[in-house]
C-alpha atoms as a PDB file:
ATOM      1  CA  UNK A   1      39.612  58.784  46.227  1.00  0.00           C
ATOM      2  CA  UNK A   2      36.727  60.451  44.395  1.00  0.00           C
ATOM      3  CA  UNK A   3      38.236  59.543  40.996  1.00  0.00           C
ATOM      4  CA  UNK A   4      38.359  55.867  41.942  1.00  0.00           C
ATOM      5  CA  UNK A   5      34.725  55.922  43.001  1.00  0.00           C
ATOM      6  CA  UNK A   6      33.704  57.678  39.783  1.00  0.00           C
ATOM      7  CA  UNK A   7      35.743  55.211  37.697  1.00  0.00           C
ATOM      8  CA  UNK A   8      34.142  52.267  39.487  1.00  0.00           C
ATOM      9  CA  UNK A   9      30.646  53.684  38.944  1.00  0.00           C
ATOM     10  CA  UNK A  10      31.414  54.315  35.266  1.00  0.00           C
ATOM     11  CA  UNK A  11      32.782  50.795  34.836  1.00  0.00           C
ATOM     12  CA  UNK A  12      29.684  49.306  36.450  1.00  0.00           C
ATOM     13  CA  UNK A  13      27.465  51.406  34.178  1.00  0.00           C
ATOM     14  CA  UNK A  14      29.366  50.204  31.106  1.00  0.00           C
ATOM     15  CA  UNK A  15      29.158  46.593  32.305  1.00  0.00           C
ATOM     16  CA  UNK A  16      25.377  46.911  32.729  1.00  0.00           C
ATOM     17  CA  UNK A  17      25.021  48.424  29.241  1.00  0.00           C
ATOM     18  CA  UNK A  18      27.166  45.654  27.727  1.00  0.00           C
ATOM     19  CA  UNK A  19      25.081  43.002  29.516  1.00  0.00           C
ATOM     20  CA  UNK A  20      21.847  44.566  28.216  1.00  0.00           C
ATOM     21  CA  UNK A  21      23.200  44.689  24.664  1.00  0.00           C
ATOM     22  CA  UNK A  22      24.452  41.088  24.956  1.00  0.00           C
ATOM     23  CA  UNK A  23      20.962  40.005  25.981  1.00  0.00           C
ATOM     24  CA  UNK A  24      19.492  41.803  22.944  1.00  0.00           C
ATOM     25  CA  UNK A  25      22.093  40.228  20.650  1.00  0.00           C
ATOM     26  CA  UNK A  26      21.251  36.811  22.091  1.00  0.00           C
ATOM     27  CA  UNK A  27      17.531  37.372  21.534  1.00  0.00           C
ATOM     28  CA  UNK A  28      18.187  38.409  17.921  1.00  0.00           C
ATOM     29  CA  UNK A  29      20.351  35.323  17.357  1.00  0.00           C
ATOM     30  CA  UNK A  30      17.654  33.064  18.856  1.00  0.00           C
ATOM     31  CA  UNK A  31      14.998  34.536  16.533  1.00  0.00           C
ATOM     32  CA  UNK A  32      17.192  34.215  13.441  1.00  0.00           C
ATOM     33  CA  UNK A  33      18.907  30.850  13.927  1.00  0.00           C
ATOM     34  CA  UNK A  34      22.216  32.408  14.960  1.00  0.00           C
ATOM     35  CA  UNK A  35      23.967  35.630  14.062  1.00  0.00           C
ATOM     36  CA  UNK A  36      27.208  37.262  13.044  1.00  0.00           C
ATOM     37  CA  UNK A  37      28.070  40.916  13.217  1.00  0.00           C
ATOM     38  CA  UNK A  38      30.305  43.849  12.533  1.00  0.00           C
ATOM     39  CA  UNK A  39      31.145  46.923  14.617  1.00  0.00           C
ATOM     40  CA  UNK A  40      31.180  50.366  13.021  1.00  0.00           C
ATOM     41  CA  UNK A  41      32.094  53.696  14.607  1.00  0.00           C
ATOM     42  CA  UNK A  42      29.307  56.262  14.177  1.00  0.00           C
ATOM     43  CA  UNK A  43      31.039  59.262  15.676  1.00  0.00           C
ATOM     44  CA  UNK A  44      29.978  60.764  18.989  1.00  0.00           C
ATOM     45  CA  UNK A  45      26.830  58.627  18.983  1.00  0.00           C
ATOM     46  CA  UNK A  46      28.961  55.554  19.698  1.00  0.00           C
ATOM     47  CA  UNK A  47      29.375  52.272  17.860  1.00  0.00           C
ATOM     48  CA  UNK A  48      26.844  50.489  15.702  1.00  0.00           C
ATOM     49  CA  UNK A  49      26.568  46.726  16.151  1.00  0.00           C
ATOM     50  CA  UNK A  50      25.293  45.391  12.822  1.00  0.00           C
ATOM     51  CA  UNK A  51      23.688  41.961  13.157  1.00  0.00           C
ATOM     52  CA  UNK A  52      23.055  39.467  10.345  1.00  0.00           C
ATOM     53  CA  UNK A  53      21.042  36.373  11.178  1.00  0.00           C
ATOM     54  CA  UNK A  54      21.600  32.943   9.693  1.00  0.00           C
ATOM     55  CA  UNK A  55      18.191  33.274   8.027  1.00  0.00           C
ATOM     56  CA  UNK A  56      19.153  36.597   6.386  1.00  0.00           C
ATOM     57  CA  UNK A  57      17.339  38.786   8.889  1.00  0.00           C
ATOM     58  CA  UNK A  58      19.269  41.829   9.994  1.00  0.00           C
ATOM     59  CA  UNK A  59      19.238  44.556  12.565  1.00  0.00           C
ATOM     60  CA  UNK A  60      21.450  46.847  14.533  1.00  0.00           C
ATOM     61  CA  UNK A  61      22.078  48.170  18.013  1.00  0.00           C
ATOM     62  CA  UNK A  62      24.053  51.179  19.206  1.00  0.00           C
ATOM     63  CA  UNK A  63      26.597  51.017  22.022  1.00  0.00           C
ATOM     64  CA  UNK A  64      27.938  54.182  23.672  1.00  0.00           C
ATOM     65  CA  UNK A  65      31.557  53.187  22.959  1.00  0.00           C
ATOM     66  CA  UNK A  66      33.527  50.704  20.875  1.00  0.00           C
ATOM     67  CA  UNK A  67      34.743  48.985  24.063  1.00  0.00           C
ATOM     68  CA  UNK A  68      31.164  48.419  25.274  1.00  0.00           C
ATOM     69  CA  UNK A  69      30.196  47.059  21.837  1.00  0.00           C
ATOM     70  CA  UNK A  70      33.129  44.628  21.906  1.00  0.00           C
ATOM     71  CA  UNK A  71      32.276  43.562  25.441  1.00  0.00           C
ATOM     72  CA  UNK A  72      28.619  42.960  24.493  1.00  0.00           C
ATOM     73  CA  UNK A  73      29.576  40.946  21.409  1.00  0.00           C
ATOM     74  CA  UNK A  74      31.974  38.830  23.463  1.00  0.00           C
ATOM     75  CA  UNK A  75      29.383  38.185  26.191  1.00  0.00           C
ATOM     76  CA  UNK A  76      26.826  37.170  23.550  1.00  0.00           C
ATOM     77  CA  UNK A  77      29.292  34.910  21.723  1.00  0.00           C
ATOM     78  CA  UNK A  78      28.814  36.928  18.516  1.00  0.00           C
ATOM     79  CA  UNK A  79      31.240  36.211  15.696  1.00  0.00           C
ATOM     80  CA  UNK A  80      32.541  39.556  14.476  1.00  0.00           C
ATOM     81  CA  UNK A  81      33.742  40.466  10.987  1.00  0.00           C
ATOM     82  CA  UNK A  82      36.369  43.160  10.449  1.00  0.00           C
ATOM     83  CA  UNK A  83      34.224  44.822   7.783  1.00  0.00           C
ATOM     84  CA  UNK A  84      30.788  44.553   6.241  1.00  0.00           C
ATOM     85  CA  UNK A  85      32.126  42.961   3.077  1.00  0.00           C
ATOM     86  CA  UNK A  86      30.341  41.386   0.128  1.00  0.00           C
ATOM     87  CA  UNK A  87      30.162  37.955   1.743  1.00  0.00           C
ATOM     88  CA  UNK A  88      28.375  39.233   4.847  1.00  0.00           C
ATOM     89  CA  UNK A  89      26.205  41.666   2.868  1.00  0.00           C
ATOM     90  CA  UNK A  90      25.117  38.876   0.506  1.00  0.00           C
ATOM     91  CA  UNK A  91      23.502  37.073   3.444  1.00  0.00           C
ATOM     92  CA  UNK A  92      21.161  39.999   4.184  1.00  0.00           C
ATOM     93  CA  UNK A  93      17.632  39.548   2.895  1.00  0.00           C
ATOM     94  CA  UNK A  94      15.707  42.722   2.239  1.00  0.00           C
ATOM     95  CA  UNK A  95      11.970  43.076   1.786  1.00  0.00           C
ATOM     96  CA  UNK A  96       9.488  45.572   0.400  1.00  0.00           C
ATOM     97  CA  UNK A  97       9.980  47.951   3.309  1.00  0.00           C
ATOM     98  CA  UNK A  98      13.707  48.354   2.675  1.00  0.00           C
ATOM     99  CA  UNK A  99      13.230  48.720  -1.087  1.00  0.00           C
ATOM    100  CA  UNK A 100      10.551  51.369  -0.667  1.00  0.00           C
ATOM    101  CA  UNK A 101      12.785  53.275   1.776  1.00  0.00           C
ATOM    102  CA  UNK A 102      15.738  53.136  -0.609  1.00  0.00           C
ATOM    103  CA  UNK A 103      13.562  54.250  -3.548  1.00  0.00           C
ATOM    104  CA  UNK A 104      12.024  56.999  -1.434  1.00  0.00           C
ATOM    105  CA  UNK A 105      15.432  58.466  -0.679  1.00  0.00           C
ATOM    106  CA  UNK A 106      16.176  58.844  -4.381  1.00  0.00           C
ATOM    107  CA  UNK A 107      12.852  60.485  -5.307  1.00  0.00           C
END
């Protein structure tokens, strides 16, 4: 009986996290004229949800598990790509901040 209660509590927690992430995805999409994304495992930290807006803006969120990331993307109506390929990457617009960060890493 205790396992069922723990499973139910865990499921509810995951559902709440997915709903919160879906809301954040929706807000990103609203700010950027729509969005598409890709899910990437990042080890024990969870799954990264990479977002690319229609206007070229980009961002990311981290879900505790791949399943929660998928659930959030589905709830938000996010179109997912299997990989972050050249076509998706070409849509990303970077600015001075990103270029200075990339240059700073190499110095």
